[in-house]
Amino acid sequence: MKKNRAIFQRLFLISLLLGCLCSFETLNAETTFPETKALHGRTIPIDTALFKYPWRIRVNGDRAVVEDLHGPDYFFHLFSYPDFRYLSSFSKRGEGPEEMLQAENFRWEGNDLWTLDCNKSEMVLWRFNTRRDSLLRHRVVTLQKELFRALDFAIYSGTRFLIPDYSGDNRFCWVDRQGKLLRKTGDIPSSNKKALKESRPALAQAWRSFIDYNPRNGVLAAVTQLGDVLEVYNLKRNTHMVKVGGQGEPQFMVSRDGYGVPTGIMGYGDVQVTDSAIYTTFEGETFKNIASNHQKGIETRNGGNRIYVYTLEGEPLRKYELDHYVDGIWVDEDKGIILAVDGNQDEPIVEFKM
């Protein structure tokens, strides 16, 4: 009885919390940053060829993991840090019961690591072996069928995950550690009233967002892969801010099959909420230019060469212009460095000093 009462109280508090997230400000002006700084990257040598499409990087103490979005054999690779000595690979690609069909994202939780397989609708918990030179499969969580196509996740607490809602009905799904959907909250903050009424699944595809949550300050940030939209939720202060940058909301057409076909720009590529700021990578290339370059035989670089930094309230703080095109980033403010993944070169890990 006490356990049921505690669960009810937690869900009630969440309900109250999210009920307050309806007040937000939308800014449509061109984004102007008070400071712009050029950063020159140092390529970190790796003694083995591993990657096909390196995508994300995350560091935990003296270990780093790099995700290969299209890894032919494995999706994740473990390195020592900061020397980036290769240790092992894990999460084998395949259709077997202990294999992975498609990796989307991964998160450290203490010394444990969670990975997400969107095609299998599974989350896997990995733990270090005693020598810490490999991560071992420890537990599998199958996501409930109501969670339509989970493409990202954040760890909200020791009992819940936050997953963007890809159905278009809401903005986020709250999921327990058994994969059960607890509730859906929020709405896609789009001004496209017709799509909100008639084409929500296509709208959700266009508004696919990368997210990150910092439990120390309670800030959840979401950035759109298409267009130029940053959302900042402060789950401690019960606030929600939407910033639509100068290149606007995600633009798309609805296909005959009901899918969203992008027509605007490639937007944000990654986001990290630190203790003091929100760091994002941004591309800004139009699909028109991408198609034109393809027709002309001009190779398009993957990723973007800009890092936008915002305050924890979502206000523009700083813009970094890079000499590399990168996708994923990991920021260490104490050391003043940004590690980034440049999938356009054989040795993809690059270090920038802020």
Protein backbone atom coordinates (compact mmCIF):
# COMPACT_ATOMS: atom_id res chain seq x y z
CA MET A 1 0.00 0.00 0.00
CA LYS A 2 2.81 2.42 0.88
CA LYS A 3 4.59 1.53 -2.36
CA ASN A 4 1.46 2.23 -4.43
CA ARG A 5 0.93 5.53 -2.60
CA ALA A 6 4.53 6.58 -3.29
CA ILE A 7 4.17 5.76 -6.99
CA PHE A 8 0.92 7.75 -7.14
CA GLN A 9 2.55 10.73 -5.41
CA ARG A 10 5.48 10.73 -7.86
CA LEU A 11 3.15 10.58 -10.87
CA PHE A 12 0.99 13.33 -9.39
CA LEU A 13 4.02 15.58 -8.92
CA ILE A 14 5.11 14.92 -12.49
CA SER A 15 1.60 15.82 -13.65
CA LEU A 16 1.72 19.10 -11.73
CA LEU A 17 5.20 19.84 -13.00
CA LEU A 18 4.38 19.30 -16.65
CA GLY A 19 1.13 21.15 -16.31
CA CYS A 20 3.21 24.28 -15.64
CA LEU A 21 5.29 23.92 -18.79
CA CYS A 22 2.69 25.65 -20.97
CA SER A 23 4.12 29.16 -20.58
CA PHE A 24 6.88 29.89 -23.05
CA GLU A 25 8.30 32.54 -25.30
CA THR A 26 8.88 32.16 -29.03
CA LEU A 27 11.58 34.27 -30.68
CA ASN A 28 11.62 34.50 -34.47
CA ALA A 29 14.37 37.04 -35.08
CA GLU A 30 17.73 36.23 -36.62
CA THR A 31 19.98 34.69 -33.97
CA THR A 32 22.77 37.07 -33.01
CA PHE A 33 25.58 35.87 -30.77
CA PRO A 34 27.43 38.39 -28.58
CA GLU A 35 30.75 36.62 -29.26
CA THR A 36 32.17 34.68 -32.22
CA LYS A 37 35.41 32.72 -31.98
CA ALA A 38 37.30 30.56 -34.47
CA LEU A 39 38.48 27.18 -33.17
CA HIS A 40 41.19 25.06 -34.76
CA GLY A 41 40.97 21.35 -34.12
CA ARG A 42 43.70 18.86 -33.29
CA THR A 43 43.12 15.43 -34.80
CA ILE A 44 43.71 12.68 -32.24
CA PRO A 45 45.54 9.72 -33.79
CA ILE A 46 43.94 6.28 -33.48
CA ASP A 47 46.04 3.21 -34.16
CA THR A 48 43.29 1.11 -35.75
CA ALA A 49 40.74 1.55 -38.55
CA LEU A 50 37.27 1.10 -37.07
CA PHE A 51 34.70 3.52 -38.36
CA LYS A 52 32.32 3.80 -41.28
CA TYR A 53 30.17 6.71 -40.05
CA PRO A 54 31.33 7.93 -36.61
CA TRP A 55 28.46 9.81 -35.02
CA ARG A 56 28.59 10.39 -31.26
CA ILE A 57 31.21 10.58 -28.52
CA ARG A 58 30.79 10.49 -24.75
CA VAL A 59 33.43 10.42 -22.01
CA ASN A 60 33.14 8.96 -18.52
CA GLY A 61 36.22 9.36 -16.32
CA ASP A 62 39.11 7.54 -18.00
CA ARG A 63 36.95 5.87 -20.66
CA ALA A 64 35.38 7.15 -23.87
CA VAL A 65 32.87 5.54 -26.21
CA VAL A 66 32.44 6.48 -29.87
CA GLU A 67 29.32 5.42 -31.77
CA ASP A 68 29.47 4.34 -35.41
CA LEU A 69 26.03 5.01 -36.88
CA HIS A 70 26.55 2.54 -39.75
CA GLY A 71 29.11 0.24 -38.18
CA PRO A 72 29.55 -2.86 -40.37
CA ASP A 73 30.42 -5.12 -37.41
CA TYR A 74 29.90 -3.17 -34.17
CA PHE A 75 28.10 0.05 -33.31
CA PHE A 76 30.21 1.13 -30.32
CA HIS A 77 33.93 1.33 -29.60
CA LEU A 78 35.56 1.76 -26.19
CA PHE A 79 38.77 3.76 -25.71
CA SER A 80 40.94 4.80 -22.81
CA TYR A 81 40.86 8.53 -22.14
CA PRO A 82 42.56 10.93 -22.72
CA ASP A 83 45.07 8.97 -24.84
CA PHE A 84 42.36 7.24 -26.93
CA ARG A 85 43.97 3.83 -26.91
CA TYR A 86 41.53 1.35 -28.46
CA LEU A 87 40.23 -1.21 -25.96
CA SER A 88 37.29 -3.10 -27.43
CA SER A 89 34.10 -2.98 -29.49
CA PHE A 90 30.60 -3.97 -28.40
CA SER A 91 26.99 -4.14 -29.55
CA LYS A 92 27.41 -6.42 -32.56
CA ARG A 93 25.39 -5.60 -35.63
CA GLY A 94 22.91 -8.28 -36.66
CA GLU A 95 19.48 -9.78 -36.21
CA GLY A 96 20.36 -12.24 -33.45
CA PRO A 97 18.89 -12.09 -29.93
CA GLU A 98 21.99 -10.37 -28.49
CA GLU A 99 22.71 -8.26 -31.56
CA MET A 100 21.64 -4.78 -32.58
CA LEU A 101 19.75 -3.69 -35.71
CA GLN A 102 20.24 0.08 -35.47
CA ALA A 103 21.93 2.21 -32.84
CA GLU A 104 20.52 5.67 -32.18
CA ASN A 105 22.09 7.05 -29.03
CA PHE A 106 23.81 6.07 -25.80
CA ARG A 107 24.12 7.55 -22.32
CA TRP A 108 26.42 7.06 -19.36
CA GLU A 109 24.75 6.55 -15.98
CA GLY A 110 27.55 6.41 -13.46
CA ASN A 111 29.79 3.61 -14.72
CA ASP A 112 26.91 1.97 -16.58
CA LEU A 113 26.03 2.64 -20.21
CA TRP A 114 22.59 2.57 -21.85
CA THR A 115 22.15 2.07 -25.60
CA LEU A 116 19.01 2.42 -27.73
CA ASP A 117 18.07 0.18 -30.67
CA CYS A 118 15.21 1.93 -32.49
CA ASN A 119 14.46 -0.97 -34.85
CA LYS A 120 14.18 -3.56 -32.06
CA SER A 121 12.60 -1.07 -29.64
CA GLU A 122 15.13 -2.15 -27.04
CA MET A 123 17.36 -0.44 -24.53
CA VAL A 124 20.38 -2.33 -23.28
CA LEU A 125 22.30 -1.74 -20.06
CA TRP A 126 26.06 -2.39 -20.30
CA ARG A 127 28.52 -2.73 -17.43
CA PHE A 128 32.31 -2.81 -17.25
CA ASN A 129 34.13 -6.03 -16.62
CA THR A 130 36.56 -6.06 -13.70
CA ARG A 131 39.48 -4.88 -15.88
CA ARG A 132 37.39 -2.05 -17.43
CA ASP A 133 38.66 -2.89 -20.91
CA SER A 134 35.24 -3.95 -22.20
CA LEU A 135 31.54 -3.43 -21.58
CA LEU A 136 29.34 -6.46 -21.02
CA ARG A 137 25.66 -6.82 -21.82
CA HIS A 138 23.83 -6.81 -18.48
CA ARG A 139 20.12 -6.17 -19.02
CA VAL A 140 17.62 -5.66 -21.85
CA VAL A 141 14.54 -3.45 -21.61
CA THR A 142 11.88 -3.90 -24.29
CA LEU A 143 9.93 -0.71 -24.95
CA GLN A 144 6.16 -0.88 -24.93
CA LYS A 145 4.50 -0.95 -28.37
CA GLU A 146 2.80 2.40 -27.71
CA LEU A 147 6.25 4.00 -27.94
CA PHE A 148 6.32 4.57 -31.67
CA ARG A 149 9.86 4.55 -33.10
CA ALA A 150 12.03 5.77 -30.22
CA LEU A 151 14.89 7.73 -31.81
CA ASP A 152 16.53 9.33 -28.77
CA PHE A 153 16.37 9.24 -24.99
CA ALA A 154 17.57 10.99 -21.88
CA ILE A 155 17.93 9.61 -18.37
CA TYR A 156 15.60 11.65 -16.16
CA SER A 157 16.14 9.81 -12.88
CA GLY A 158 16.97 6.42 -11.48
CA THR A 159 13.48 5.26 -12.41
CA ARG A 160 12.51 7.01 -15.64
CA PHE A 161 13.59 7.81 -19.19
CA LEU A 162 12.48 10.68 -21.40
CA ILE A 163 11.88 9.78 -25.06
CA PRO A 164 10.66 12.16 -27.79
CA ASP A 165 7.22 11.19 -29.08
CA TYR A 166 7.56 10.33 -32.77
CA SER A 167 3.83 9.74 -33.30
CA GLY A 168 3.04 13.45 -33.35
CA ASP A 169 0.45 13.22 -30.55
CA ASN A 170 2.71 14.81 -27.91
CA ARG A 171 6.28 16.01 -27.42
CA PHE A 172 7.69 13.55 -24.87
CA CYS A 173 7.06 10.08 -23.47
CA TRP A 174 7.87 9.26 -19.85
CA VAL A 175 9.00 5.64 -19.58
CA ASP A 176 9.92 3.50 -16.58
CA ARG A 177 12.90 1.16 -16.32
CA GLN A 178 10.79 -1.79 -17.48
CA GLY A 179 9.99 -0.02 -20.78
CA LYS A 180 6.43 0.83 -19.79
CA LEU A 181 4.92 4.09 -21.03
CA LEU A 182 3.83 6.12 -18.00
CA ARG A 183 2.42 9.14 -19.79
CA LYS A 184 2.83 11.52 -22.73
CA THR A 185 3.20 15.26 -22.30
CA GLY A 186 3.57 18.48 -24.26
CA ASP A 187 2.93 19.37 -27.87
CA ILE A 188 5.06 20.07 -30.91
CA PRO A 189 5.50 23.88 -30.73
CA SER A 190 4.82 24.40 -34.44
CA SER A 191 3.02 27.35 -36.01
CA ASN A 192 1.90 25.05 -38.85
CA LYS A 193 -1.73 24.72 -37.77
CA LYS A 194 -2.71 22.67 -40.84
CA ALA A 195 -0.05 20.04 -40.12
CA LEU A 196 -0.99 19.95 -36.43
CA LYS A 197 -4.54 19.20 -37.47
CA GLU A 198 -4.06 16.92 -40.48
CA SER A 199 -0.49 15.54 -40.63
CA ARG A 200 0.85 14.99 -37.13
CA PRO A 201 3.01 11.92 -37.93
CA ALA A 202 4.69 13.78 -40.81
CA LEU A 203 5.10 16.84 -38.60
CA ALA A 204 6.73 14.70 -35.90
CA GLN A 205 9.18 13.31 -38.47
CA ALA A 206 10.11 16.83 -39.55
CA TRP A 207 10.45 17.90 -35.93
CA ARG A 208 12.72 15.03 -34.97
CA SER A 209 14.86 16.43 -32.16
CA PHE A 210 18.05 15.54 -30.35
CA ILE A 211 17.75 15.95 -26.59
CA ASP A 212 19.91 16.13 -23.47
CA TYR A 213 19.08 16.49 -19.79
CA ASN A 214 21.27 17.62 -16.90
CA PRO A 215 19.87 16.42 -13.54
CA ARG A 216 22.06 18.86 -11.59
CA ASN A 217 20.30 21.95 -12.94
CA GLY A 218 17.10 20.33 -14.20
CA VAL A 219 17.51 21.62 -17.76
CA LEU A 220 16.22 19.57 -20.69
CA ALA A 221 17.20 20.86 -24.15
CA ALA A 222 15.80 19.74 -27.50
CA VAL A 223 17.10 20.83 -30.91
CA THR A 224 15.57 20.03 -34.29
CA GLN A 225 17.52 18.02 -36.86
CA LEU A 226 15.75 20.10 -39.53
CA GLY A 227 15.24 23.83 -39.30
CA ASP A 228 16.44 26.09 -36.50
CA VAL A 229 14.52 25.45 -33.28
CA LEU A 230 15.84 25.18 -29.73
CA GLU A 231 13.57 24.25 -26.83
CA VAL A 232 14.65 24.66 -23.22
CA TYR A 233 12.66 23.06 -20.40
CA ASN A 234 13.69 23.80 -16.84
CA LEU A 235 12.08 20.97 -14.89
CA LYS A 236 12.97 22.55 -11.56
CA ARG A 237 11.57 26.02 -12.31
CA ASN A 238 8.68 24.71 -14.40
CA THR A 239 9.50 26.83 -17.46
CA HIS A 240 9.56 26.13 -21.19
CA MET A 241 11.14 28.39 -23.81
CA VAL A 242 11.03 27.90 -27.58
CA LYS A 243 13.58 29.74 -29.71
CA VAL A 244 12.95 29.75 -33.46
CA GLY A 245 16.13 31.02 -35.15
CA GLY A 246 16.52 32.98 -38.33
CA GLN A 247 16.20 29.90 -40.56
CA GLY A 248 12.81 29.05 -39.17
CA GLU A 249 10.92 25.91 -38.25
CA PRO A 250 11.47 22.54 -39.96
CA GLN A 251 10.06 22.72 -43.49
CA PHE A 252 8.56 19.68 -45.20
CA MET A 253 6.04 18.31 -47.65
CA VAL A 254 3.70 15.41 -46.97
CA SER A 255 4.16 12.47 -49.35
CA ARG A 256 1.30 10.35 -50.69
CA ASP A 257 2.17 7.75 -48.06
CA GLY A 258 1.88 10.33 -45.31
CA TYR A 259 5.61 10.71 -44.64
CA GLY A 260 7.33 14.03 -44.10
CA VAL A 261 9.76 14.95 -46.90
CA PRO A 262 12.24 17.67 -45.82
CA THR A 263 12.44 20.79 -47.99
CA GLY A 264 14.26 23.34 -45.81
CA ILE A 265 17.65 23.01 -44.13
CA MET A 266 19.69 20.53 -42.17
CA GLY A 267 19.74 22.05 -38.70
CA TYR A 268 21.21 20.88 -35.42
CA GLY A 269 23.35 17.77 -35.09
CA ASP A 270 23.87 17.30 -31.36
CA VAL A 271 23.21 18.96 -28.00
CA GLN A 272 24.80 18.82 -24.56
CA VAL A 273 23.56 20.53 -21.41
CA THR A 274 26.47 21.26 -19.09
CA ASP A 275 26.28 22.83 -15.65
CA SER A 276 26.54 26.34 -17.10
CA ALA A 277 25.41 26.33 -20.76
CA ILE A 278 23.82 24.49 -23.69
CA TYR A 279 26.18 23.44 -26.50
CA THR A 280 24.86 22.51 -29.95
CA THR A 281 26.29 21.73 -33.38
CA PHE A 282 24.64 23.39 -36.37
CA GLU A 283 24.82 22.77 -40.11
CA GLY A 284 22.45 25.13 -41.95
CA GLU A 285 22.83 23.62 -45.45
CA THR A 286 19.68 23.69 -47.60
CA PHE A 287 18.39 20.51 -49.20
CA LYS A 288 18.28 22.45 -52.47
CA ASN A 289 22.04 23.04 -52.32
CA ILE A 290 22.69 19.46 -51.24
CA ALA A 291 20.73 18.16 -54.25
CA SER A 292 22.43 20.64 -56.60
CA ASN A 293 25.90 19.63 -55.39
CA HIS A 294 25.01 15.97 -55.82
CA GLN A 295 23.95 16.57 -59.43
CA LYS A 296 27.21 18.43 -60.10
CA GLY A 297 29.26 15.64 -58.52
CA ILE A 298 30.35 17.88 -55.66
CA GLU A 299 30.86 15.94 -52.45
CA THR A 300 28.87 17.28 -49.49
CA ARG A 301 30.60 17.16 -46.14
CA ASN A 302 28.80 15.47 -43.27
CA GLY A 303 28.02 17.58 -40.23
CA GLY A 304 28.33 21.27 -39.52
CA ASN A 305 31.20 23.64 -38.84
CA ARG A 306 29.45 25.72 -36.18
CA ILE A 307 28.88 25.23 -32.47
CA TYR A 308 26.21 27.44 -30.95
CA VAL A 309 26.34 28.04 -27.19
CA TYR A 310 23.27 29.19 -25.29
CA THR A 311 22.64 30.08 -21.67
CA LEU A 312 20.58 27.68 -19.59
CA GLU A 313 17.65 29.99 -20.31
CA GLY A 314 18.16 29.61 -24.07
CA GLU A 315 19.70 33.01 -24.80
CA PRO A 316 22.55 33.19 -27.40
CA LEU A 317 25.91 33.26 -25.64
CA ARG A 318 28.68 32.37 -28.07
CA LYS A 319 29.32 31.00 -31.56
CA TYR A 320 32.33 28.87 -32.44
CA GLU A 321 33.39 28.58 -36.07
CA LEU A 322 35.31 25.34 -36.68
CA ASP A 323 37.86 24.25 -39.24
CA HIS A 324 36.18 20.81 -39.28
CA TYR A 325 32.67 19.58 -40.07
CA VAL A 326 31.43 17.60 -37.08
CA ASP A 327 28.37 15.70 -35.86
CA GLY A 328 28.64 14.68 -32.20
CA ILE A 329 30.37 16.65 -29.44
CA TRP A 330 31.36 16.19 -25.82
CA VAL A 331 32.20 19.27 -23.75
CA ASP A 332 34.51 19.41 -20.74
CA GLU A 333 34.16 22.94 -19.37
CA ASP A 334 36.61 22.31 -16.52
CA LYS A 335 39.40 21.48 -18.97
CA GLY A 336 38.17 24.00 -21.55
CA ILE A 337 37.95 21.47 -24.40
CA ILE A 338 35.39 20.18 -26.85
CA LEU A 339 35.80 16.71 -28.33
CA ALA A 340 34.04 16.31 -31.67
CA VAL A 341 33.48 13.60 -34.27
CA ASP A 342 34.46 14.46 -37.84
CA GLY A 343 33.18 11.66 -40.06
CA ASN A 344 34.83 13.15 -43.13
CA GLN A 345 38.31 11.92 -42.21
CA ASP A 346 39.84 8.54 -41.38
CA GLU A 347 40.79 9.58 -37.85
CA PRO A 348 37.55 11.19 -36.74
CA ILE A 349 38.17 12.39 -33.19
CA VAL A 350 39.09 16.07 -33.00
CA GLU A 351 39.88 18.19 -29.95
CA PHE A 352 39.13 21.91 -29.79
CA LYS A 353 40.34 24.23 -27.05
CA MET A 354 37.72 26.81 -26.13
